[in-house]
C-alpha cells in the first residue's frame, strides 16, 4: 500500500525530498555502478578506477553542469551519480581488504560516517550558496575544481607509495 505523504490540499513533496531509495533512476544507477565497478577494477585496477571516477565527475560537473539546461543537468546528474558510486565502491573495498580484522568494523564505521556527513555538509553548503534563481556557474566551477583537487590528492598519496591502510609520512 502506498501512503501519500501530502495532506488534503497540500502539494506532494518533491521526489528529491524522498531520497534515492524512492527514485528508480537512482536505484538503477546503483545497480549499474555495482556491475561496472568490478569490471573496471579488473581491467584498470582500483587506483586507476578511482582516478577515472574523479575525472568523469569533474568533467561532468564542468562540461554538463555549467550550461545548466535540462538535458545537460540530467547528463551531469547521471555521470556524477555513477562516478560517485563507483568511487565509493572502490574505497569501500579498499577499507574492507586493507584494514586488519581487529579494527575493521570500527574503521569502516568511522569512514562511512565521515563520507555521509561530508556528503550532507556539502549539500547544505551548496544549498546556502545557490542564488534564488538556482543557477550558479561559479558554484559549478568550484565543485569541478574540488573533484580535480581530490584527484591531485589521491595521485600524490599513491605517488608517495604509502601502503594502503597506513598513514602518510608525517601525518601521525
N, C-alpha and C. Protein backbone atom coordinates (compact mmCIF):
# COMPACT_ATOMS: atom_id res chain seq x y z
N UNK A 1 0.84 -1.18 0.00
CA UNK A 1 0.00 0.00 0.00
C UNK A 1 0.88 1.23 0.00
N UNK A 2 0.59 2.16 -0.86
CA UNK A 2 1.36 3.41 -0.95
C UNK A 2 0.64 4.48 -0.17
N UNK A 3 1.38 5.13 0.73
CA UNK A 3 0.80 6.22 1.51
C UNK A 3 1.26 7.53 0.92
N UNK A 4 0.30 8.41 0.63
CA UNK A 4 0.64 9.72 0.10
C UNK A 4 0.97 10.64 1.27
N UNK A 5 2.27 11.15 1.33
CA UNK A 5 2.65 11.99 2.46
C UNK A 5 1.99 13.36 2.46
N UNK A 6 1.39 13.75 1.37
CA UNK A 6 0.75 15.05 1.31
C UNK A 6 -0.66 14.97 1.88
N UNK A 7 -1.00 15.97 2.64
CA UNK A 7 -2.35 16.04 3.19
C UNK A 7 -3.29 16.66 2.18
N UNK A 8 -4.57 16.74 2.53
CA UNK A 8 -5.54 17.35 1.61
C UNK A 8 -5.15 18.80 1.31
N UNK A 9 -5.09 19.11 0.05
CA UNK A 9 -4.78 20.48 -0.36
C UNK A 9 -3.30 20.80 -0.36
N UNK A 10 -2.46 19.88 0.11
CA UNK A 10 -1.01 20.11 0.12
C UNK A 10 -0.41 19.63 -1.18
N UNK A 11 0.65 20.31 -1.58
CA UNK A 11 1.40 19.82 -2.72
C UNK A 11 2.24 18.65 -2.26
N UNK A 12 2.39 17.61 -3.09
CA UNK A 12 3.24 16.49 -2.70
C UNK A 12 4.69 16.95 -2.60
N UNK A 13 5.49 16.29 -1.76
CA UNK A 13 6.89 16.70 -1.65
C UNK A 13 7.63 16.40 -2.94
N UNK A 14 8.68 17.16 -3.22
CA UNK A 14 9.46 16.85 -4.42
C UNK A 14 10.10 15.49 -4.29
N UNK A 15 10.34 14.84 -5.43
CA UNK A 15 10.94 13.49 -5.41
C UNK A 15 12.27 13.49 -4.69
N UNK A 16 13.05 14.57 -4.81
CA UNK A 16 14.35 14.62 -4.18
C UNK A 16 14.23 14.52 -2.65
N UNK A 17 13.17 15.04 -2.09
CA UNK A 17 13.00 15.01 -0.64
C UNK A 17 12.76 13.60 -0.12
N UNK A 18 12.33 12.72 -0.98
CA UNK A 18 12.06 11.35 -0.56
C UNK A 18 13.32 10.50 -0.54
N UNK A 19 14.40 10.97 -1.13
CA UNK A 19 15.67 10.25 -1.09
C UNK A 19 15.81 9.26 -2.23
N UNK A 20 17.05 8.74 -2.40
CA UNK A 20 17.34 7.87 -3.54
C UNK A 20 16.60 6.55 -3.50
N UNK A 21 16.21 6.07 -2.33
CA UNK A 21 15.51 4.79 -2.26
C UNK A 21 14.16 4.87 -2.97
N UNK A 22 13.63 6.08 -3.16
CA UNK A 22 12.32 6.24 -3.78
C UNK A 22 12.42 6.64 -5.25
N UNK A 23 13.61 6.70 -5.78
CA UNK A 23 13.80 7.12 -7.16
C UNK A 23 14.35 5.95 -7.97
N UNK A 24 13.54 5.39 -8.86
CA UNK A 24 14.01 4.24 -9.65
C UNK A 24 15.27 4.53 -10.45
N UNK A 25 15.45 5.76 -10.94
CA UNK A 25 16.65 6.09 -11.71
C UNK A 25 17.89 5.98 -10.82
N UNK A 26 17.80 6.47 -9.58
CA UNK A 26 18.94 6.35 -8.66
C UNK A 26 19.22 4.89 -8.35
N UNK A 27 18.19 4.11 -8.16
CA UNK A 27 18.38 2.68 -7.90
C UNK A 27 19.06 1.99 -9.08
N UNK A 28 18.65 2.37 -10.28
CA UNK A 28 19.27 1.78 -11.47
C UNK A 28 20.73 2.18 -11.57
N UNK A 29 21.06 3.41 -11.20
CA UNK A 29 22.45 3.84 -11.22
C UNK A 29 23.29 3.06 -10.21
N UNK A 30 22.73 2.78 -9.05
CA UNK A 30 23.45 1.99 -8.06
C UNK A 30 23.74 0.59 -8.60
N UNK A 31 22.77 0.00 -9.26
CA UNK A 31 22.96 -1.33 -9.85
C UNK A 31 23.99 -1.25 -10.98
N UNK A 32 23.89 -0.23 -11.82
CA UNK A 32 24.84 -0.07 -12.91
C UNK A 32 26.27 0.07 -12.37
N UNK A 33 26.45 0.88 -11.33
CA UNK A 33 27.78 1.03 -10.73
C UNK A 33 28.25 -0.28 -10.12
N UNK A 34 27.34 -1.03 -9.51
CA UNK A 34 27.71 -2.32 -8.91
C UNK A 34 28.15 -3.33 -9.96
N UNK A 35 27.62 -3.20 -11.16
CA UNK A 35 28.02 -4.09 -12.26
C UNK A 35 29.31 -3.58 -12.92
N UNK A 36 29.40 -2.28 -13.18
CA UNK A 36 30.55 -1.74 -13.89
C UNK A 36 31.82 -1.69 -13.06
N UNK A 37 31.71 -1.39 -11.77
CA UNK A 37 32.90 -1.21 -10.95
C UNK A 37 33.81 -2.43 -10.93
N UNK A 38 33.30 -3.63 -10.67
CA UNK A 38 34.21 -4.79 -10.69
C UNK A 38 34.87 -5.01 -12.06
N UNK A 39 34.14 -4.71 -13.12
CA UNK A 39 34.71 -4.85 -14.47
C UNK A 39 35.85 -3.84 -14.68
N UNK A 40 35.62 -2.60 -14.24
CA UNK A 40 36.66 -1.58 -14.37
C UNK A 40 37.87 -1.90 -13.50
N UNK A 41 37.62 -2.35 -12.28
CA UNK A 41 38.72 -2.69 -11.37
C UNK A 41 39.53 -3.85 -11.94
N UNK A 42 38.86 -4.84 -12.49
CA UNK A 42 39.57 -5.98 -13.07
C UNK A 42 40.43 -5.55 -14.25
N UNK A 43 39.94 -4.62 -15.02
CA UNK A 43 40.68 -4.18 -16.22
C UNK A 43 41.74 -3.12 -15.91
N UNK A 44 41.40 -2.15 -15.03
CA UNK A 44 42.28 -1.00 -14.81
C UNK A 44 43.01 -1.04 -13.47
N UNK A 45 42.46 -1.77 -12.52
CA UNK A 45 42.96 -1.73 -11.15
C UNK A 45 42.16 -0.70 -10.35
N UNK A 46 42.18 -0.86 -9.04
CA UNK A 46 41.38 0.02 -8.19
C UNK A 46 41.85 1.48 -8.25
N UNK A 47 43.16 1.77 -8.13
CA UNK A 47 43.57 3.18 -8.18
C UNK A 47 43.18 3.88 -9.48
N UNK A 48 43.36 3.21 -10.60
CA UNK A 48 43.00 3.82 -11.89
C UNK A 48 41.49 4.01 -12.00
N UNK A 49 40.72 3.09 -11.42
CA UNK A 49 39.26 3.23 -11.45
C UNK A 49 38.82 4.44 -10.63
N UNK A 50 39.46 4.65 -9.48
CA UNK A 50 39.15 5.83 -8.66
C UNK A 50 39.53 7.09 -9.43
N UNK A 51 40.71 7.09 -10.04
CA UNK A 51 41.13 8.27 -10.83
C UNK A 51 40.14 8.54 -11.96
N UNK A 52 39.73 7.48 -12.66
CA UNK A 52 38.76 7.64 -13.74
C UNK A 52 37.45 8.23 -13.21
N UNK A 53 36.99 7.73 -12.08
CA UNK A 53 35.77 8.27 -11.48
C UNK A 53 35.88 9.75 -11.16
N UNK A 54 37.02 10.16 -10.61
CA UNK A 54 37.22 11.57 -10.29
C UNK A 54 37.29 12.44 -11.55
N UNK A 55 37.91 11.93 -12.60
CA UNK A 55 37.98 12.66 -13.87
C UNK A 55 36.58 12.78 -14.48
N UNK A 56 35.83 11.68 -14.48
CA UNK A 56 34.47 11.71 -15.03
C UNK A 56 33.60 12.69 -14.24
N UNK A 57 33.73 12.67 -12.91
CA UNK A 57 32.94 13.59 -12.08
C UNK A 57 33.30 15.04 -12.37
N UNK A 58 34.59 15.35 -12.46
CA UNK A 58 35.00 16.73 -12.76
C UNK A 58 34.51 17.15 -14.14
N UNK A 59 34.66 16.26 -15.12
CA UNK A 59 34.22 16.58 -16.48
C UNK A 59 32.71 16.77 -16.54
N UNK A 60 31.98 15.92 -15.84
CA UNK A 60 30.52 16.05 -15.82
C UNK A 60 30.10 17.38 -15.21
N UNK A 61 30.75 17.73 -14.11
CA UNK A 61 30.43 18.98 -13.42
C UNK A 61 30.73 20.18 -14.32
N UNK A 62 31.90 20.17 -14.93
CA UNK A 62 32.35 21.32 -15.71
C UNK A 62 31.71 21.38 -17.11
N UNK A 63 31.57 20.24 -17.75
CA UNK A 63 31.06 20.23 -19.13
C UNK A 63 29.54 20.21 -19.21
N UNK A 64 28.92 19.44 -18.32
CA UNK A 64 27.46 19.30 -18.38
C UNK A 64 26.73 20.14 -17.34
N UNK A 65 27.37 20.40 -16.21
CA UNK A 65 26.71 21.19 -15.17
C UNK A 65 26.68 22.67 -15.48
N UNK A 66 27.74 23.18 -16.06
CA UNK A 66 27.86 24.62 -16.29
C UNK A 66 26.80 25.16 -17.27
N UNK A 67 26.48 24.49 -18.38
CA UNK A 67 25.46 25.07 -19.27
C UNK A 67 24.07 25.21 -18.63
N UNK A 68 23.76 24.38 -17.66
CA UNK A 68 22.51 24.44 -16.89
C UNK A 68 21.25 24.42 -17.75
N UNK A 69 21.23 23.53 -18.72
CA UNK A 69 19.99 23.25 -19.42
C UNK A 69 19.46 21.93 -18.85
N UNK A 70 18.23 21.63 -19.08
CA UNK A 70 17.65 20.40 -18.52
C UNK A 70 18.42 19.17 -18.98
N UNK A 71 18.75 19.10 -20.25
CA UNK A 71 19.46 17.94 -20.78
C UNK A 71 20.85 17.82 -20.17
N UNK A 72 21.59 18.93 -20.10
CA UNK A 72 22.95 18.85 -19.57
C UNK A 72 22.97 18.59 -18.07
N UNK A 73 22.01 19.12 -17.35
CA UNK A 73 21.94 18.86 -15.90
C UNK A 73 21.60 17.39 -15.65
N UNK A 74 20.70 16.83 -16.45
CA UNK A 74 20.39 15.40 -16.30
C UNK A 74 21.60 14.53 -16.63
N UNK A 75 22.34 14.90 -17.67
CA UNK A 75 23.56 14.17 -18.01
C UNK A 75 24.59 14.28 -16.89
N UNK A 76 24.75 15.48 -16.34
CA UNK A 76 25.69 15.68 -15.23
C UNK A 76 25.26 14.85 -14.02
N UNK A 77 23.98 14.86 -13.71
CA UNK A 77 23.49 14.09 -12.56
C UNK A 77 23.75 12.60 -12.75
N UNK A 78 23.50 12.09 -13.94
CA UNK A 78 23.75 10.69 -14.24
C UNK A 78 25.23 10.35 -14.05
N UNK A 79 26.10 11.13 -14.68
CA UNK A 79 27.53 10.85 -14.61
C UNK A 79 28.10 11.05 -13.20
N UNK A 80 27.64 12.09 -12.50
CA UNK A 80 28.11 12.32 -11.14
C UNK A 80 27.69 11.19 -10.21
N UNK A 81 26.46 10.73 -10.34
CA UNK A 81 25.99 9.62 -9.51
C UNK A 81 26.75 8.35 -9.80
N UNK A 82 26.95 8.06 -11.07
CA UNK A 82 27.67 6.86 -11.47
C UNK A 82 29.13 6.93 -11.00
N UNK A 83 29.78 8.06 -11.22
CA UNK A 83 31.18 8.21 -10.79
C UNK A 83 31.29 8.15 -9.28
N UNK A 84 30.39 8.83 -8.59
CA UNK A 84 30.44 8.83 -7.13
C UNK A 84 30.25 7.45 -6.54
N UNK A 85 29.31 6.70 -7.06
CA UNK A 85 29.08 5.35 -6.55
C UNK A 85 30.24 4.43 -6.88
N UNK A 86 30.84 4.59 -8.06
CA UNK A 86 32.00 3.79 -8.43
C UNK A 86 33.17 4.05 -7.48
N UNK A 87 33.42 5.32 -7.21
CA UNK A 87 34.50 5.69 -6.27
C UNK A 87 34.20 5.12 -4.89
N UNK A 88 32.97 5.26 -4.43
CA UNK A 88 32.60 4.76 -3.10
C UNK A 88 32.78 3.25 -3.02
N UNK A 89 32.39 2.52 -4.04
CA UNK A 89 32.57 1.07 -4.03
C UNK A 89 34.05 0.69 -3.99
N UNK A 90 34.88 1.42 -4.74
CA UNK A 90 36.32 1.14 -4.71
C UNK A 90 36.90 1.41 -3.33
N UNK A 91 36.51 2.51 -2.74
CA UNK A 91 37.05 2.84 -1.42
C UNK A 91 36.50 1.91 -0.34
N UNK A 92 35.25 1.51 -0.46
CA UNK A 92 34.71 0.50 0.47
C UNK A 92 35.53 -0.78 0.40
N UNK A 93 35.83 -1.22 -0.82
CA UNK A 93 36.61 -2.46 -0.99
C UNK A 93 38.01 -2.28 -0.42
N UNK A 94 38.60 -1.12 -0.60
CA UNK A 94 39.94 -0.86 -0.05
C UNK A 94 39.93 -0.94 1.47
N UNK A 95 38.94 -0.33 2.08
CA UNK A 95 38.84 -0.38 3.54
C UNK A 95 38.65 -1.83 3.99
N UNK A 96 37.78 -2.55 3.32
CA UNK A 96 37.50 -3.93 3.72
C UNK A 96 38.71 -4.85 3.56
N UNK A 97 39.55 -4.61 2.56
CA UNK A 97 40.67 -5.52 2.31
C UNK A 97 41.98 -5.06 2.94
N UNK A 98 42.08 -3.80 3.34
CA UNK A 98 43.36 -3.29 3.82
C UNK A 98 43.46 -3.15 5.33
N UNK A 99 42.36 -3.22 6.00
CA UNK A 99 42.35 -3.00 7.44
C UNK A 99 42.26 -4.34 8.16
N UNK A 100 43.04 -4.48 9.22
CA UNK A 100 43.05 -5.72 9.98
C UNK A 100 41.70 -6.05 10.60
N UNK A 101 41.47 -7.35 10.78
CA UNK A 101 40.20 -7.82 11.31
C UNK A 101 39.84 -7.20 12.66
N UNK A 102 40.85 -6.96 13.48
CA UNK A 102 40.59 -6.49 14.84
C UNK A 102 39.99 -5.08 14.90
N UNK A 103 40.18 -4.27 13.87
CA UNK A 103 39.63 -2.91 13.89
C UNK A 103 38.78 -2.58 12.67
N UNK A 104 38.60 -3.52 11.78
CA UNK A 104 37.90 -3.25 10.51
C UNK A 104 36.52 -2.64 10.72
N UNK A 105 35.74 -3.19 11.61
CA UNK A 105 34.38 -2.68 11.83
C UNK A 105 34.38 -1.24 12.29
N UNK A 106 35.26 -0.91 13.22
CA UNK A 106 35.33 0.46 13.72
C UNK A 106 35.82 1.42 12.64
N UNK A 107 36.85 1.01 11.90
CA UNK A 107 37.38 1.86 10.84
C UNK A 107 36.33 2.07 9.76
N UNK A 108 35.65 1.01 9.37
CA UNK A 108 34.63 1.15 8.34
C UNK A 108 33.48 2.04 8.81
N UNK A 109 33.08 1.88 10.06
CA UNK A 109 32.01 2.72 10.60
C UNK A 109 32.40 4.19 10.59
N UNK A 110 33.64 4.47 11.01
CA UNK A 110 34.12 5.85 11.02
C UNK A 110 34.21 6.38 9.59
N UNK A 111 34.79 5.61 8.70
CA UNK A 111 34.94 6.02 7.30
C UNK A 111 33.57 6.30 6.68
N UNK A 112 32.63 5.39 6.88
CA UNK A 112 31.30 5.54 6.29
C UNK A 112 30.59 6.77 6.87
N UNK A 113 30.76 6.99 8.17
CA UNK A 113 30.15 8.16 8.80
C UNK A 113 30.75 9.45 8.25
N UNK A 114 32.07 9.50 8.14
CA UNK A 114 32.73 10.69 7.59
C UNK A 114 32.25 10.94 6.16
N UNK A 115 32.15 9.88 5.36
CA UNK A 115 31.68 10.02 3.99
C UNK A 115 30.27 10.61 3.96
N UNK A 116 29.36 10.05 4.76
CA UNK A 116 27.98 10.50 4.74
C UNK A 116 27.82 11.91 5.29
N UNK A 117 28.54 12.24 6.36
CA UNK A 117 28.47 13.59 6.92
C UNK A 117 29.03 14.59 5.92
N UNK A 118 30.12 14.24 5.25
CA UNK A 118 30.70 15.13 4.24
C UNK A 118 29.71 15.39 3.11
N UNK A 119 29.00 14.36 2.71
CA UNK A 119 28.01 14.49 1.65
C UNK A 119 26.89 15.46 2.07
N UNK A 120 26.42 15.31 3.30
CA UNK A 120 25.36 16.18 3.80
C UNK A 120 25.86 17.61 3.94
N UNK A 121 27.05 17.79 4.50
CA UNK A 121 27.61 19.13 4.67
C UNK A 121 27.79 19.81 3.32
N UNK A 122 28.32 19.09 2.34
CA UNK A 122 28.49 19.66 1.00
C UNK A 122 27.15 20.08 0.41
N UNK A 123 26.13 19.28 0.62
CA UNK A 123 24.80 19.60 0.11
C UNK A 123 24.24 20.86 0.78
N UNK A 124 24.39 20.95 2.09
CA UNK A 124 23.90 22.11 2.84
C UNK A 124 24.64 23.38 2.42
N UNK A 125 25.96 23.29 2.32
CA UNK A 125 26.75 24.45 1.91
C UNK A 125 26.36 24.89 0.51
N UNK A 126 26.22 23.94 -0.40
CA UNK A 126 25.82 24.29 -1.77
C UNK A 126 24.44 24.94 -1.77
N UNK A 127 23.52 24.41 -0.99
CA UNK A 127 22.16 24.98 -0.93
C UNK A 127 22.19 26.42 -0.40
N UNK A 128 23.09 26.68 0.53
CA UNK A 128 23.18 28.04 1.09
C UNK A 128 23.81 29.01 0.09
N UNK A 129 24.64 28.50 -0.82
CA UNK A 129 25.35 29.36 -1.76
C UNK A 129 24.62 29.59 -3.08
N UNK A 130 23.66 28.74 -3.39
CA UNK A 130 22.94 28.87 -4.66
C UNK A 130 22.02 30.08 -4.58
N UNK A 131 22.06 30.94 -5.61
CA UNK A 131 21.17 32.10 -5.61
C UNK A 131 19.71 31.68 -5.78
N UNK A 132 18.82 32.62 -5.60
CA UNK A 132 17.39 32.34 -5.67
C UNK A 132 16.95 31.73 -6.99
N UNK A 133 17.62 32.08 -8.08
CA UNK A 133 17.21 31.51 -9.37
C UNK A 133 17.74 30.10 -9.58
N UNK A 134 18.55 29.60 -8.64
CA UNK A 134 19.03 28.23 -8.69
C UNK A 134 20.20 27.99 -9.62
N UNK A 135 20.76 29.04 -10.19
CA UNK A 135 21.86 28.88 -11.14
C UNK A 135 23.10 29.62 -10.66
N UNK A 136 24.20 28.89 -10.59
CA UNK A 136 25.46 29.49 -10.18
C UNK A 136 26.61 28.80 -10.92
N UNK A 137 27.08 29.45 -11.95
CA UNK A 137 28.21 28.92 -12.70
C UNK A 137 29.43 28.82 -11.78
N UNK A 138 29.61 29.81 -10.92
CA UNK A 138 30.76 29.81 -10.00
C UNK A 138 30.75 28.57 -9.11
N UNK A 139 29.59 28.21 -8.59
CA UNK A 139 29.48 27.03 -7.74
C UNK A 139 29.80 25.75 -8.53
N UNK A 140 29.36 25.68 -9.77
CA UNK A 140 29.68 24.53 -10.62
C UNK A 140 31.19 24.44 -10.86
N UNK A 141 31.82 25.58 -11.09
CA UNK A 141 33.26 25.59 -11.32
C UNK A 141 34.02 25.18 -10.05
N UNK A 142 33.57 25.67 -8.92
CA UNK A 142 34.20 25.28 -7.65
C UNK A 142 34.05 23.78 -7.42
N UNK A 143 32.85 23.25 -7.67
CA UNK A 143 32.63 21.81 -7.48
C UNK A 143 33.53 21.00 -8.40
N UNK A 144 33.66 21.42 -9.65
CA UNK A 144 34.56 20.74 -10.58
C UNK A 144 36.00 20.80 -10.09
N UNK A 145 36.40 21.95 -9.58
CA UNK A 145 37.76 22.11 -9.05
C UNK A 145 37.99 21.21 -7.84
N UNK A 146 36.97 21.03 -7.02
CA UNK A 146 37.11 20.15 -5.85
C UNK A 146 37.37 18.72 -6.30
N UNK A 147 36.69 18.26 -7.32
CA UNK A 147 36.96 16.91 -7.86
C UNK A 147 38.40 16.82 -8.36
N UNK A 148 38.86 17.85 -9.05
CA UNK A 148 40.23 17.84 -9.56
C UNK A 148 41.26 17.89 -8.42
N UNK A 149 40.96 18.64 -7.37
CA UNK A 149 41.85 18.65 -6.20
C UNK A 149 41.84 17.28 -5.51
N UNK A 150 40.70 16.64 -5.47
CA UNK A 150 40.63 15.29 -4.93
C UNK A 150 41.48 14.33 -5.74
N UNK A 151 41.44 14.48 -7.05
CA UNK A 151 42.27 13.66 -7.94
C UNK A 151 43.74 13.91 -7.67
N UNK A 152 44.13 15.17 -7.52
CA UNK A 152 45.52 15.51 -7.23
C UNK A 152 45.96 14.91 -5.90
N UNK A 153 45.13 15.07 -4.86
CA UNK A 153 45.47 14.49 -3.56
C UNK A 153 45.59 12.99 -3.60
N UNK A 154 44.70 12.34 -4.31
CA UNK A 154 44.74 10.89 -4.44
C UNK A 154 46.00 10.46 -5.18
N UNK A 155 46.33 11.18 -6.25
CA UNK A 155 47.52 10.85 -7.02
C UNK A 155 48.79 11.06 -6.19
N UNK A 156 48.84 12.14 -5.43
CA UNK A 156 50.01 12.39 -4.58
C UNK A 156 50.18 11.29 -3.53
N UNK A 157 49.07 10.85 -2.97
CA UNK A 157 49.12 9.78 -1.98
C UNK A 157 49.66 8.48 -2.60
N UNK A 158 49.21 8.17 -3.80
CA UNK A 158 49.69 6.97 -4.48
C UNK A 158 51.16 7.13 -4.86
N UNK A 159 51.54 8.31 -5.37
CA UNK A 159 52.92 8.54 -5.77
C UNK A 159 53.88 8.46 -4.59
N UNK A 160 53.38 8.79 -3.39
CA UNK A 160 54.22 8.71 -2.19
C UNK A 160 54.51 7.26 -1.82
N UNK A 161 53.77 6.34 -2.45
CA UNK A 161 54.00 4.92 -2.20
C UNK A 161 53.52 4.48 -0.83
N UNK A 162 52.58 5.20 -0.26
CA UNK A 162 52.06 4.83 1.06
C UNK A 162 51.23 3.59 0.94
N UNK A 163 51.58 2.52 1.69
CA UNK A 163 50.77 1.31 1.64
C UNK A 163 49.33 1.60 2.09
N UNK A 164 48.42 0.87 1.50
CA UNK A 164 47.01 1.04 1.87
C UNK A 164 46.84 0.77 3.35
N UNK A 165 46.03 1.59 3.99
CA UNK A 165 45.74 1.41 5.41
C UNK A 165 46.79 2.00 6.32
N UNK A 166 47.84 2.61 5.77
CA UNK A 166 48.89 3.21 6.57
C UNK A 166 48.84 4.73 6.42
N UNK A 167 49.15 5.46 7.50
CA UNK A 167 49.16 6.91 7.37
C UNK A 167 50.36 7.36 6.53
N UNK A 168 50.21 8.49 5.85
CA UNK A 168 51.31 9.05 5.09
C UNK A 168 52.39 9.52 6.05
N UNK A 169 53.62 9.58 5.60
CA UNK A 169 54.71 10.03 6.45
C UNK A 169 54.43 11.44 6.94
N UNK A 170 54.69 11.66 8.22
CA UNK A 170 54.48 12.97 8.80
C UNK A 170 53.05 13.25 9.22
N UNK A 171 52.14 12.30 9.01
CA UNK A 171 50.74 12.53 9.38
C UNK A 171 50.35 11.84 10.67
N UNK A 172 51.31 11.23 11.36
CA UNK A 172 50.98 10.55 12.62
C UNK A 172 51.07 11.46 13.79
